[in-house]
Amino acid sequence: MSNVIRNWNSPKSATTLSGHIVTKQDALYLKSHERAYQTLPTAMHFVYYDPTVPRGSTLLCTCGAAGGIFGYEGYKRWCSFIATEVIACSEFIQQGKHADGSHE
């Protein structure tokens, strides 16, 4: 189950329902990929790494959706900065809005 964030209006940090404080980062290092990926810069929510998740996606968005790694074709309509792959909210990339219904 994903952790929906209580104070989503803070662009730099948030607190999950389980009480963990997460911070917005420009890049996240994924041990399973042995490299860091830039995060898609969005204003309303951000994707963070949650090491407390026992299985499934450890990349979560503060809107409550899972995060993922997307290539340029997936994120080009939202941002055109130069990167091969970025970490972003799955709902935002696929539906154009976050899981809580907010738009960028």
Protein backbone atom coordinates (compact mmCIF):
# COMPACT_ATOMS: atom_id res chain seq x y z
CA MET A 1 0.00 0.00 0.00
CA SER A 2 1.32 3.43 -0.86
CA ASN A 3 1.76 6.19 1.66
CA VAL A 4 -0.38 9.22 0.91
CA ILE A 5 1.28 12.36 2.21
CA ARG A 6 -0.51 14.51 4.77
CA ASN A 7 1.19 17.82 4.02
CA TRP A 8 1.55 17.68 0.26
CA ASN A 9 1.77 21.45 -0.08
CA SER A 10 5.42 21.53 1.02
CA PRO A 11 7.65 21.30 -2.07
CA LYS A 12 10.86 20.48 -0.13
CA SER A 13 9.70 17.85 2.37
CA ALA A 14 6.67 15.87 3.50
CA THR A 15 5.61 13.43 6.20
CA THR A 16 4.17 10.04 5.24
CA LEU A 17 1.19 8.56 7.08
CA SER A 18 3.62 6.21 8.81
CA GLY A 19 5.48 9.23 10.23
CA HIS A 20 8.60 9.24 8.04
CA ILE A 21 9.90 12.59 6.85
CA VAL A 22 10.91 12.52 3.19
CA THR A 23 12.73 15.26 1.29
CA LYS A 24 12.72 16.32 -2.33
CA GLN A 25 15.96 15.49 -4.15
CA ASP A 26 17.17 16.39 -7.63
CA ALA A 27 18.44 12.84 -8.18
CA LEU A 28 17.94 9.46 -6.52
CA TYR A 29 20.52 6.68 -6.41
CA LEU A 30 19.04 3.24 -7.00
CA LYS A 31 21.22 0.46 -5.67
CA SER A 32 19.51 -2.12 -7.89
CA HIS A 33 20.50 -0.13 -11.00
CA GLU A 34 23.87 0.97 -9.59
CA ARG A 35 23.34 4.56 -10.73
CA ALA A 36 21.56 7.80 -9.95
CA TYR A 37 18.61 9.11 -11.94
CA GLN A 38 17.40 12.69 -12.10
CA THR A 39 13.89 13.32 -10.82
CA LEU A 40 11.32 15.11 -12.95
CA PRO A 41 10.94 18.63 -11.54
CA THR A 42 7.29 19.14 -10.61
CA ALA A 43 5.77 21.83 -8.42
CA MET A 44 2.96 20.06 -6.55
CA HIS A 45 4.45 16.66 -5.65
CA PHE A 46 7.76 14.80 -5.79
CA VAL A 47 8.97 11.21 -5.99
CA TYR A 48 11.03 9.83 -3.12
CA TYR A 49 12.78 6.57 -2.27
CA ASP A 50 11.21 4.66 0.64
CA PRO A 51 13.57 1.98 2.02
CA THR A 52 10.94 0.84 4.56
CA VAL A 53 8.75 -0.75 1.86
CA PRO A 54 9.27 -4.54 2.19
CA ARG A 55 8.41 -5.39 -1.44
CA GLY A 56 7.11 -3.79 -4.58
CA SER A 57 7.90 -0.25 -5.67
CA THR A 58 10.24 1.66 -3.37
CA LEU A 59 9.79 4.79 -5.48
CA LEU A 60 6.69 6.61 -4.32
CA CYS A 61 5.15 9.95 -5.12
CA THR A 62 3.78 12.26 -2.45
CA CYS A 63 0.40 12.08 -4.22
CA GLY A 64 0.11 8.40 -3.21
CA ALA A 65 1.02 6.81 -6.55
CA ALA A 66 4.06 4.70 -7.36
CA GLY A 67 7.07 6.27 -9.00
CA GLY A 68 9.00 4.83 -11.89
CA ILE A 69 11.82 5.33 -14.36
CA PHE A 70 10.75 6.83 -17.68
CA GLY A 71 12.58 7.50 -20.92
CA TYR A 72 12.40 10.73 -22.90
CA GLU A 73 9.30 9.63 -24.85
CA GLY A 74 7.41 9.33 -21.56
CA TYR A 75 8.29 12.68 -20.04
CA LYS A 76 8.99 14.98 -23.03
CA ARG A 77 5.65 16.78 -22.85
CA TRP A 78 6.29 17.75 -19.22
CA CYS A 79 9.95 18.71 -19.36
CA SER A 80 12.60 18.99 -22.05
CA PHE A 81 15.81 18.97 -20.01
CA ILE A 82 18.57 16.72 -21.25
CA ALA A 83 18.59 13.30 -19.62
CA THR A 84 18.19 9.78 -20.87
CA GLU A 85 15.85 8.56 -18.15
CA VAL A 86 14.17 10.25 -15.18
CA ILE A 87 12.29 9.20 -12.09
CA ALA A 88 8.73 10.49 -12.05
CA CYS A 89 5.22 9.82 -10.75
CA SER A 90 3.61 7.01 -12.77
CA GLU A 91 0.15 8.57 -12.58
CA PHE A 92 1.43 11.95 -13.72
CA ILE A 93 3.29 10.52 -16.72
CA GLN A 94 0.48 8.18 -17.80
CA GLN A 95 -2.65 10.21 -16.96
CA GLY A 96 -1.40 13.81 -16.95
CA LYS A 97 -2.42 14.32 -13.33
CA HIS A 98 -1.38 13.04 -9.92
CA ALA A 99 -3.29 10.36 -7.99
CA ASP A 100 -4.95 13.00 -5.82
CA GLY A 101 -6.31 14.70 -8.97
CA SER A 102 -3.92 17.67 -8.91
CA HIS A 103 -2.40 19.06 -12.10
CA GLU A 104 0.96 20.71 -12.54
